[in-house]
Amino acid sequence: MTRTQIQLPDEVYARAKRLCQAREISLAELARRGVEHILSVYSSAAASADEWHLPKPRDLGWKGLTHAQVKEEAQLTAGELRHGGKPKRH
């Protein structure tokens, strides 16, 4: 068996410890079971790694703006943001 270290956010660690106490298992056993579960779920995906494709981007908001407008807003400098955007070109 190989020993390893992991880092967990404080809230995740606290929740995991409470679960371990309730189930009377060690944190190491919980971690092993979790890793084994994830590996069983994704084992078929790993076998077909050559078929993997980049996920399609999700629209995360900015309701009412087109993708071009979102791109334009994202490229504004700090000075332009303070003064209400890029100067209008006629």
PDB file of N, CA and C in Angstrom:
ATOM      1  N   MET A   1       0.849  -1.171   0.000  1.00  0.00           N
ATOM      2  CA  MET A   1       0.000   0.000   0.000  1.00  0.00           C
ATOM      3  C   MET A   1       0.892   1.230   0.000  1.00  0.00           C
ATOM      4  N   THR A   2       0.473   2.263  -0.721  1.00  0.00           N
ATOM      5  CA  THR A   2       1.225   3.507  -0.824  1.00  0.00           C
ATOM      6  C   THR A   2       0.606   4.560   0.075  1.00  0.00           C
ATOM      7  N   ARG A   3       1.453   5.294   0.789  1.00  0.00           N
ATOM      8  CA  ARG A   3       0.975   6.392   1.621  1.00  0.00           C
ATOM      9  C   ARG A   3       1.000   7.663   0.796  1.00  0.00           C
ATOM     10  N   THR A   4       0.037   8.541   1.038  1.00  0.00           N
ATOM     11  CA  THR A   4       0.000   9.820   0.338  1.00  0.00           C
ATOM     12  C   THR A   4      -0.632  10.865   1.241  1.00  0.00           C
ATOM     13  N   GLN A   5      -0.539  12.108   0.853  1.00  0.00           N
ATOM     14  CA  GLN A   5      -1.157  13.203   1.591  1.00  0.00           C
ATOM     15  C   GLN A   5      -2.129  13.923   0.671  1.00  0.00           C
ATOM     16  N   ILE A   6      -3.203  14.423   1.254  1.00  0.00           N
ATOM     17  CA  ILE A   6      -4.142  15.239   0.484  1.00  0.00           C
ATOM     18  C   ILE A   6      -4.449  16.497   1.277  1.00  0.00           C
ATOM     19  N   GLN A   7      -4.890  17.524   0.584  1.00  0.00           N
ATOM     20  CA  GLN A   7      -5.299  18.756   1.242  1.00  0.00           C
ATOM     21  C   GLN A   7      -6.790  18.934   0.988  1.00  0.00           C
ATOM     22  N   LEU A   8      -7.525  19.238   2.059  1.00  0.00           N
ATOM     23  CA  LEU A   8      -8.966  19.409   1.973  1.00  0.00           C
ATOM     24  C   LEU A   8      -9.342  20.770   2.542  1.00  0.00           C
ATOM     25  N   PRO A   9     -10.337  21.418   1.964  1.00  0.00           N
ATOM     26  CA  PRO A   9     -10.857  22.628   2.610  1.00  0.00           C
ATOM     27  C   PRO A   9     -11.369  22.276   4.009  1.00  0.00           C
ATOM     28  N   ASP A  10     -11.297  23.215   4.926  1.00  0.00           N
ATOM     29  CA  ASP A  10     -11.676  22.952   6.317  1.00  0.00           C
ATOM     30  C   ASP A  10     -13.085  22.382   6.429  1.00  0.00           C
ATOM     31  N   GLU A  11     -14.038  22.922   5.699  1.00  0.00           N
ATOM     32  CA  GLU A  11     -15.425  22.454   5.786  1.00  0.00           C
ATOM     33  C   GLU A  11     -15.549  21.014   5.287  1.00  0.00           C
ATOM     34  N   VAL A  12     -14.853  20.671   4.210  1.00  0.00           N
ATOM     35  CA  VAL A  12     -14.898  19.304   3.681  1.00  0.00           C
ATOM     36  C   VAL A  12     -14.282  18.343   4.701  1.00  0.00           C
ATOM     37  N   TYR A  13     -13.173  18.745   5.289  1.00  0.00           N
ATOM     38  CA  TYR A  13     -12.518  17.908   6.302  1.00  0.00           C
ATOM     39  C   TYR A  13     -13.449  17.672   7.499  1.00  0.00           C
ATOM     40  N   ALA A  14     -14.098  18.728   7.970  1.00  0.00           N
ATOM     41  CA  ALA A  14     -14.996  18.598   9.122  1.00  0.00           C
ATOM     42  C   ALA A  14     -16.169  17.668   8.797  1.00  0.00           C
ATOM     43  N   ARG A  15     -16.737  17.816   7.622  1.00  0.00           N
ATOM     44  CA  ARG A  15     -17.850  16.944   7.219  1.00  0.00           C
ATOM     45  C   ARG A  15     -17.386  15.498   7.098  1.00  0.00           C
ATOM     46  N   ALA A  16     -16.195  15.308   6.534  1.00  0.00           N
ATOM     47  CA  ALA A  16     -15.653  13.949   6.379  1.00  0.00           C
ATOM     48  C   ALA A  16     -15.405  13.311   7.743  1.00  0.00           C
ATOM     49  N   LYS A  17     -14.856  14.065   8.666  1.00  0.00           N
ATOM     50  CA  LYS A  17     -14.594  13.529  10.010  1.00  0.00           C
ATOM     51  C   LYS A  17     -15.901  13.139  10.707  1.00  0.00           C
ATOM     52  N   ARG A  18     -16.945  13.963  10.558  1.00  0.00           N
ATOM     53  CA  ARG A  18     -18.242  13.622  11.174  1.00  0.00           C
ATOM     54  C   ARG A  18     -18.795  12.333  10.571  1.00  0.00           C
ATOM     55  N   LEU A  19     -18.672  12.180   9.252  1.00  0.00           N
ATOM     56  CA  LEU A  19     -19.146  10.964   8.592  1.00  0.00           C
ATOM     57  C   LEU A  19     -18.352   9.752   9.080  1.00  0.00           C
ATOM     58  N   CYS A  20     -17.055   9.910   9.196  1.00  0.00           N
ATOM     59  CA  CYS A  20     -16.200   8.814   9.665  1.00  0.00           C
ATOM     60  C   CYS A  20     -16.597   8.383  11.073  1.00  0.00           C
ATOM     61  N   GLN A  21     -16.852   9.344  11.935  1.00  0.00           N
ATOM     62  CA  GLN A  21     -17.261   9.002  13.297  1.00  0.00           C
ATOM     63  C   GLN A  21     -18.606   8.281  13.290  1.00  0.00           C
ATOM     64  N   ALA A  22     -19.545   8.763  12.474  1.00  0.00           N
ATOM     65  CA  ALA A  22     -20.871   8.140  12.417  1.00  0.00           C
ATOM     66  C   ALA A  22     -20.800   6.716  11.869  1.00  0.00           C
ATOM     67  N   ARG A  23     -19.919   6.479  10.909  1.00  0.00           N
ATOM     68  CA  ARG A  23     -19.796   5.159  10.271  1.00  0.00           C
ATOM     69  C   ARG A  23     -18.731   4.288  10.925  1.00  0.00           C
ATOM     70  N   GLU A  24     -18.005   4.878  11.876  1.00  0.00           N
ATOM     71  CA  GLU A  24     -16.928   4.164  12.568  1.00  0.00           C
ATOM     72  C   GLU A  24     -15.877   3.626  11.599  1.00  0.00           C
ATOM     73  N   ILE A  25     -15.434   4.521  10.712  1.00  0.00           N
ATOM     74  CA  ILE A  25     -14.341   4.198   9.785  1.00  0.00           C
ATOM     75  C   ILE A  25     -13.301   5.306   9.876  1.00  0.00           C
ATOM     76  N   SER A  26     -12.110   5.020   9.403  1.00  0.00           N
ATOM     77  CA  SER A  26     -11.051   6.033   9.412  1.00  0.00           C
ATOM     78  C   SER A  26     -11.202   6.957   8.220  1.00  0.00           C
ATOM     79  N   LEU A  27     -10.562   8.111   8.321  1.00  0.00           N
ATOM     80  CA  LEU A  27     -10.558   9.051   7.197  1.00  0.00           C
ATOM     81  C   LEU A  27      -9.850   8.421   5.997  1.00  0.00           C
ATOM     82  N   ALA A  28      -8.821   7.631   6.255  1.00  0.00           N
ATOM     83  CA  ALA A  28      -8.109   6.949   5.163  1.00  0.00           C
ATOM     84  C   ALA A  28      -9.045   5.986   4.436  1.00  0.00           C
ATOM     85  N   GLU A  29      -9.877   5.258   5.183  1.00  0.00           N
ATOM     86  CA  GLU A  29     -10.822   4.324   4.566  1.00  0.00           C
ATOM     87  C   GLU A  29     -11.862   5.077   3.734  1.00  0.00           C
ATOM     88  N   LEU A  30     -12.345   6.196   4.250  1.00  0.00           N
ATOM     89  CA  LEU A  30     -13.296   7.015   3.493  1.00  0.00           C
ATOM     90  C   LEU A  30     -12.668   7.496   2.188  1.00  0.00           C
ATOM     91  N   ALA A  31     -11.424   7.963   2.260  1.00  0.00           N
ATOM     92  CA  ALA A  31     -10.722   8.438   1.065  1.00  0.00           C
ATOM     93  C   ALA A  31     -10.519   7.302   0.064  1.00  0.00           C
ATOM     94  N   ARG A  32     -10.120   6.113   0.541  1.00  0.00           N
ATOM     95  CA  ARG A  32      -9.940   4.961  -0.355  1.00  0.00           C
ATOM     96  C   ARG A  32     -11.241   4.620  -1.064  1.00  0.00           C
ATOM     97  N   ARG A  33     -12.343   4.569  -0.273  1.00  0.00           N
ATOM     98  CA  ARG A  33     -13.634   4.240  -0.873  1.00  0.00           C
ATOM     99  C   ARG A  33     -14.054   5.287  -1.902  1.00  0.00           C
ATOM    100  N   GLY A  34     -13.796   6.541  -1.597  1.00  0.00           N
ATOM    101  CA  GLY A  34     -14.141   7.607  -2.529  1.00  0.00           C
ATOM    102  C   GLY A  34     -13.363   7.509  -3.834  1.00  0.00           C
ATOM    103  N   VAL A  35     -12.067   7.281  -3.722  1.00  0.00           N
ATOM    104  CA  VAL A  35     -11.227   7.146  -4.919  1.00  0.00           C
ATOM    105  C   VAL A  35     -11.650   5.917  -5.723  1.00  0.00           C
ATOM    106  N   GLU A  36     -11.903   4.807  -5.031  1.00  0.00           N
ATOM    107  CA  GLU A  36     -12.334   3.593  -5.741  1.00  0.00           C
ATOM    108  C   GLU A  36     -13.660   3.816  -6.464  1.00  0.00           C
ATOM    109  N   HIS A  37     -14.574   4.547  -5.831  1.00  0.00           N
ATOM    110  CA  HIS A  37     -15.863   4.825  -6.476  1.00  0.00           C
ATOM    111  C   HIS A  37     -15.667   5.672  -7.738  1.00  0.00           C
ATOM    112  N   ILE A  38     -14.888   6.739  -7.628  1.00  0.00           N
ATOM    113  CA  ILE A  38     -14.651   7.603  -8.789  1.00  0.00           C
ATOM    114  C   ILE A  38     -13.981   6.827  -9.912  1.00  0.00           C
ATOM    115  N   LEU A  39     -13.026   5.973  -9.567  1.00  0.00           N
ATOM    116  CA  LEU A  39     -12.352   5.167 -10.587  1.00  0.00           C
ATOM    117  C   LEU A  39     -13.329   4.202 -11.259  1.00  0.00           C
ATOM    118  N   SER A  40     -14.268   3.640 -10.497  1.00  0.00           N
ATOM    119  CA  SER A  40     -15.239   2.727 -11.114  1.00  0.00           C
ATOM    120  C   SER A  40     -16.193   3.479 -12.034  1.00  0.00           C
ATOM    121  N   VAL A  41     -16.540   4.702 -11.667  1.00  0.00           N
ATOM    122  CA  VAL A  41     -17.451   5.501 -12.498  1.00  0.00           C
ATOM    123  C   VAL A  41     -16.766   5.934 -13.785  1.00  0.00           C
ATOM    124  N   TYR A  42     -15.510   6.335 -13.697  1.00  0.00           N
ATOM    125  CA  TYR A  42     -14.806   6.872 -14.856  1.00  0.00           C
ATOM    126  C   TYR A  42     -13.888   5.875 -15.540  1.00  0.00           C
ATOM    127  N   SER A  43     -13.896   4.615 -15.148  1.00  0.00           N
ATOM    128  CA  SER A  43     -12.974   3.655 -15.746  1.00  0.00           C
ATOM    129  C   SER A  43     -13.244   3.463 -17.227  1.00  0.00           C
ATOM    130  N   SER A  44     -14.495   3.445 -17.641  1.00  0.00           N
ATOM    131  CA  SER A  44     -14.789   3.283 -19.070  1.00  0.00           C
ATOM    132  C   SER A  44     -14.388   4.520 -19.854  1.00  0.00           C
ATOM    133  N   ALA A  45     -14.477   5.692 -19.243  1.00  0.00           N
ATOM    134  CA  ALA A  45     -14.061   6.921 -19.929  1.00  0.00           C
ATOM    135  C   ALA A  45     -12.553   6.938 -20.137  1.00  0.00           C
ATOM    136  N   ALA A  46     -11.798   6.403 -19.170  1.00  0.00           N
ATOM    137  CA  ALA A  46     -10.346   6.373 -19.303  1.00  0.00           C
ATOM    138  C   ALA A  46      -9.921   5.440 -20.431  1.00  0.00           C
ATOM    139  N   ALA A  47     -10.672   4.362 -20.635  1.00  0.00           N
ATOM    140  CA  ALA A  47     -10.333   3.413 -21.691  1.00  0.00           C
ATOM    141  C   ALA A  47     -10.514   4.035 -23.072  1.00  0.00           C
ATOM    142  N   SER A  48     -11.430   4.986 -23.185  1.00  0.00           N
ATOM    143  CA  SER A  48     -11.681   5.612 -24.488  1.00  0.00           C
ATOM    144  C   SER A  48     -11.166   7.048 -24.502  1.00  0.00           C
ATOM    145  N   ALA A  49     -10.000   7.284 -23.928  1.00  0.00           N
ATOM    146  CA  ALA A  49      -9.437   8.631 -23.837  1.00  0.00           C
ATOM    147  C   ALA A  49      -9.194   9.240 -25.210  1.00  0.00           C
ATOM    148  N   ASP A  50      -8.939   8.414 -26.230  1.00  0.00           N
ATOM    149  CA  ASP A  50      -8.699   8.952 -27.563  1.00  0.00           C
ATOM    150  C   ASP A  50      -9.989   9.523 -28.165  1.00  0.00           C
ATOM    151  N   GLU A  51     -11.146   9.201 -27.588  1.00  0.00           N
ATOM    152  CA  GLU A  51     -12.411   9.723 -28.079  1.00  0.00           C
ATOM    153  C   GLU A  51     -12.856  10.968 -27.317  1.00  0.00           C
ATOM    154  N   TRP A  52     -12.081  11.410 -26.348  1.00  0.00           N
ATOM    155  CA  TRP A  52     -12.468  12.540 -25.518  1.00  0.00           C
ATOM    156  C   TRP A  52     -12.465  13.817 -26.340  1.00  0.00           C
ATOM    157  N   HIS A  53     -13.460  14.672 -26.086  1.00  0.00           N
ATOM    158  CA  HIS A  53     -13.554  15.966 -26.746  1.00  0.00           C
ATOM    159  C   HIS A  53     -13.717  17.050 -25.693  1.00  0.00           C
ATOM    160  N   LEU A  54     -13.211  18.210 -25.992  1.00  0.00           N
ATOM    161  CA  LEU A  54     -13.347  19.348 -25.097  1.00  0.00           C
ATOM    162  C   LEU A  54     -14.828  19.640 -24.881  1.00  0.00           C
ATOM    163  N   PRO A  55     -15.257  19.824 -23.630  1.00  0.00           N
ATOM    164  CA  PRO A  55     -16.667  20.116 -23.394  1.00  0.00           C
ATOM    165  C   PRO A  55     -17.077  21.428 -24.057  1.00  0.00           C
ATOM    166  N   LYS A  56     -18.329  21.500 -24.457  1.00  0.00           N
ATOM    167  CA  LYS A  56     -18.837  22.734 -25.060  1.00  0.00           C
ATOM    168  C   LYS A  56     -18.956  23.788 -23.980  1.00  0.00           C
ATOM    169  N   PRO A  57     -18.617  25.047 -24.296  1.00  0.00           N
ATOM    170  CA  PRO A  57     -18.712  26.097 -23.281  1.00  0.00           C
ATOM    171  C   PRO A  57     -20.172  26.332 -22.882  1.00  0.00           C
ATOM    172  N   ARG A  58     -20.353  26.664 -21.604  1.00  0.00           N
ATOM    173  CA  ARG A  58     -21.688  26.960 -21.110  1.00  0.00           C
ATOM    174  C   ARG A  58     -21.896  28.464 -21.091  1.00  0.00           C
ATOM    175  N   ASP A  59     -23.112  28.880 -21.298  1.00  0.00           N
ATOM    176  CA  ASP A  59     -23.453  30.289 -21.188  1.00  0.00           C
ATOM    177  C   ASP A  59     -23.665  30.582 -19.711  1.00  0.00           C
ATOM    178  N   LEU A  60     -22.773  31.356 -19.108  1.00  0.00           N
ATOM    179  CA  LEU A  60     -22.782  31.540 -17.666  1.00  0.00           C
ATOM    180  C   LEU A  60     -23.451  32.832 -17.214  1.00  0.00           C
ATOM    181  N   GLY A  61     -24.204  33.447 -18.070  1.00  0.00           N
ATOM    182  CA  GLY A  61     -24.897  34.642 -17.619  1.00  0.00           C
ATOM    183  C   GLY A  61     -24.780  35.773 -18.614  1.00  0.00           C
ATOM    184  N   TRP A  62     -24.669  36.966 -18.101  1.00  0.00           N
ATOM    185  CA  TRP A  62     -24.610  38.161 -18.922  1.00  0.00           C
ATOM    186  C   TRP A  62     -25.866  38.245 -19.778  1.00  0.00           C
ATOM    187  N   LYS A  63     -26.996  38.020 -19.175  1.00  0.00           N
ATOM    188  CA  LYS A  63     -28.259  38.039 -19.910  1.00  0.00           C
ATOM    189  C   LYS A  63     -28.416  39.374 -20.631  1.00  0.00           C
ATOM    190  N   GLY A  64     -28.846  39.301 -21.848  1.00  0.00           N
ATOM    191  CA  GLY A  64     -29.075  40.504 -22.629  1.00  0.00           C
ATOM    192  C   GLY A  64     -27.873  40.955 -23.435  1.00  0.00           C
ATOM    193  N   LEU A  65     -26.716  40.312 -23.252  1.00  0.00           N
ATOM    194  CA  LEU A  65     -25.528  40.688 -24.023  1.00  0.00           C
ATOM    195  C   LEU A  65     -25.189  39.581 -25.012  1.00  0.00           C
ATOM    196  N   THR A  66     -24.760  39.960 -26.192  1.00  0.00           N
ATOM    197  CA  THR A  66     -24.301  38.976 -27.162  1.00  0.00           C
ATOM    198  C   THR A  66     -22.894  38.533 -26.772  1.00  0.00           C
ATOM    199  N   HIS A  67     -22.422  37.457 -27.385  1.00  0.00           N
ATOM    200  CA  HIS A  67     -21.061  36.997 -27.101  1.00  0.00           C
ATOM    201  C   HIS A  67     -20.038  38.066 -27.486  1.00  0.00           C
ATOM    202  N   ALA A  68     -20.297  38.804 -28.556  1.00  0.00           N
ATOM    203  CA  ALA A  68     -19.390  39.879 -28.974  1.00  0.00           C
ATOM    204  C   ALA A  68     -19.353  40.982 -27.919  1.00  0.00           C
ATOM    205  N   GLN A  69     -20.507  41.324 -27.338  1.00  0.00           N
ATOM    206  CA  GLN A  69     -20.547  42.353 -26.301  1.00  0.00           C
ATOM    207  C   GLN A  69     -19.831  41.896 -25.037  1.00  0.00           C
ATOM    208  N   VAL A  70     -19.993  40.626 -24.672  1.00  0.00           N
ATOM    209  CA  VAL A  70     -19.293  40.089 -23.508  1.00  0.00           C
ATOM    210  C   VAL A  70     -17.792  40.167 -23.736  1.00  0.00           C
ATOM    211  N   LYS A  71     -17.340  39.786 -24.922  1.00  0.00           N
ATOM    212  CA  LYS A  71     -15.907  39.842 -25.252  1.00  0.00           C
ATOM    213  C   LYS A  71     -15.400  41.275 -25.163  1.00  0.00           C
ATOM    214  N   GLU A  72     -16.168  42.220 -25.688  1.00  0.00           N
ATOM    215  CA  GLU A  72     -15.766  43.625 -25.657  1.00  0.00           C
ATOM    216  C   GLU A  72     -15.663  44.120 -24.214  1.00  0.00           C
ATOM    217  N   GLU A  73     -16.643  43.773 -23.365  1.00  0.00           N
ATOM    218  CA  GLU A  73     -16.609  44.171 -21.960  1.00  0.00           C
ATOM    219  C   GLU A  73     -15.403  43.569 -21.245  1.00  0.00           C
ATOM    220  N   ALA A  74     -15.076  42.329 -21.559  1.00  0.00           N
ATOM    221  CA  ALA A  74     -13.967  41.638 -20.900  1.00  0.00           C
ATOM    222  C   ALA A  74     -12.627  42.267 -21.251  1.00  0.00           C
ATOM    223  N   GLN A  75     -12.559  42.953 -22.374  1.00  0.00           N
ATOM    224  CA  GLN A  75     -11.296  43.530 -22.819  1.00  0.00           C
ATOM    225  C   GLN A  75     -11.105  44.981 -22.391  1.00  0.00           C
ATOM    226  N   LEU A  76     -12.061  45.527 -21.632  1.00  0.00           N
ATOM    227  CA  LEU A  76     -11.921  46.902 -21.158  1.00  0.00           C
ATOM    228  C   LEU A  76     -10.801  46.998 -20.130  1.00  0.00           C
ATOM    229  N   THR A  77     -10.082  48.105 -20.153  1.00  0.00           N
ATOM    230  CA  THR A  77      -9.040  48.345 -19.156  1.00  0.00           C
ATOM    231  C   THR A  77      -9.670  48.922 -17.895  1.00  0.00           C
ATOM    232  N   ALA A  78      -8.912  48.975 -16.814  1.00  0.00           N
ATOM    233  CA  ALA A  78      -9.424  49.524 -15.554  1.00  0.00           C
ATOM    234  C   ALA A  78      -9.863  50.977 -15.736  1.00  0.00           C
ATOM    235  N   GLY A  79      -9.098  51.765 -16.484  1.00  0.00           N
ATOM    236  CA  GLY A  79      -9.456  53.167 -16.727  1.00  0.00           C
ATOM    237  C   GLY A  79     -10.750  53.288 -17.506  1.00  0.00           C
ATOM    238  N   GLU A  80     -10.935  52.447 -18.489  1.00  0.00           N
ATOM    239  CA  GLU A  80     -12.163  52.472 -19.282  1.00  0.00           C
ATOM    240  C   GLU A  80     -13.365  52.071 -18.420  1.00  0.00           C
ATOM    241  N   LEU A  81     -13.164  51.119 -17.511  1.00  0.00           N
ATOM    242  CA  LEU A  81     -14.253  50.710 -16.622  1.00  0.00           C
ATOM    243  C   LEU A  81     -14.670  51.846 -15.697  1.00  0.00           C
ATOM    244  N   ARG A  82     -13.670  52.603 -15.189  1.00  0.00           N
ATOM    245  CA  ARG A  82     -13.970  53.722 -14.290  1.00  0.00           C
ATOM    246  C   ARG A  82     -14.737  54.832 -15.006  1.00  0.00           C
ATOM    247  N   HIS A  83     -14.500  54.986 -16.304  1.00  0.00           N
ATOM    248  CA  HIS A  83     -15.105  56.097 -17.043  1.00  0.00           C
ATOM    249  C   HIS A  83     -16.284  55.631 -17.898  1.00  0.00           C
ATOM    250  N   GLY A  84     -16.787  54.453 -17.640  1.00  0.00           N
ATOM    251  CA  GLY A  84     -17.997  54.017 -18.325  1.00  0.00           C
ATOM    252  C   GLY A  84     -17.781  53.378 -19.683  1.00  0.00           C
ATOM    253  N   GLY A  85     -16.672  52.716 -19.899  1.00  0.00           N
ATOM    254  CA  GLY A  85     -16.457  51.990 -21.146  1.00  0.00           C
ATOM    255  C   GLY A  85     -15.621  52.741 -22.156  1.00  0.00           C
ATOM    256  N   LYS A  86     -15.484  52.149 -23.329  1.00  0.00           N
ATOM    257  CA  LYS A  86     -14.677  52.748 -24.390  1.00  0.00           C
ATOM    258  C   LYS A  86     -15.400  53.943 -24.970  1.00  0.00           C
ATOM    259  N   PRO A  87     -14.646  54.939 -25.429  1.00  0.00           N
ATOM    260  CA  PRO A  87     -15.288  56.071 -26.074  1.00  0.00           C
ATOM    261  C   PRO A  87     -16.038  55.615 -27.330  1.00  0.00           C
ATOM    262  N   LYS A  88     -17.188  56.193 -27.560  1.00  0.00           N
ATOM    263  CA  LYS A  88     -17.984  55.835 -28.737  1.00  0.00           C
ATOM    264  C   LYS A  88     -17.325  56.379 -29.986  1.00  0.00           C
ATOM    265  N   ARG A  89     -17.258  55.551 -30.999  1.00  0.00           N
ATOM    266  CA  ARG A  89     -16.693  55.956 -32.295  1.00  0.00           C
ATOM    267  C   ARG A  89     -17.832  56.222 -33.250  1.00  0.00           C
ATOM    268  N   HIS A  90     -17.740  57.322 -33.947  1.00  0.00           N
ATOM    269  CA  HIS A  90     -18.812  57.683 -34.879  1.00  0.00           C
ATOM    270  C   HIS A  90     -18.462  57.300 -36.278  1.00  0.00           C
TER     271      HIS A  90
END
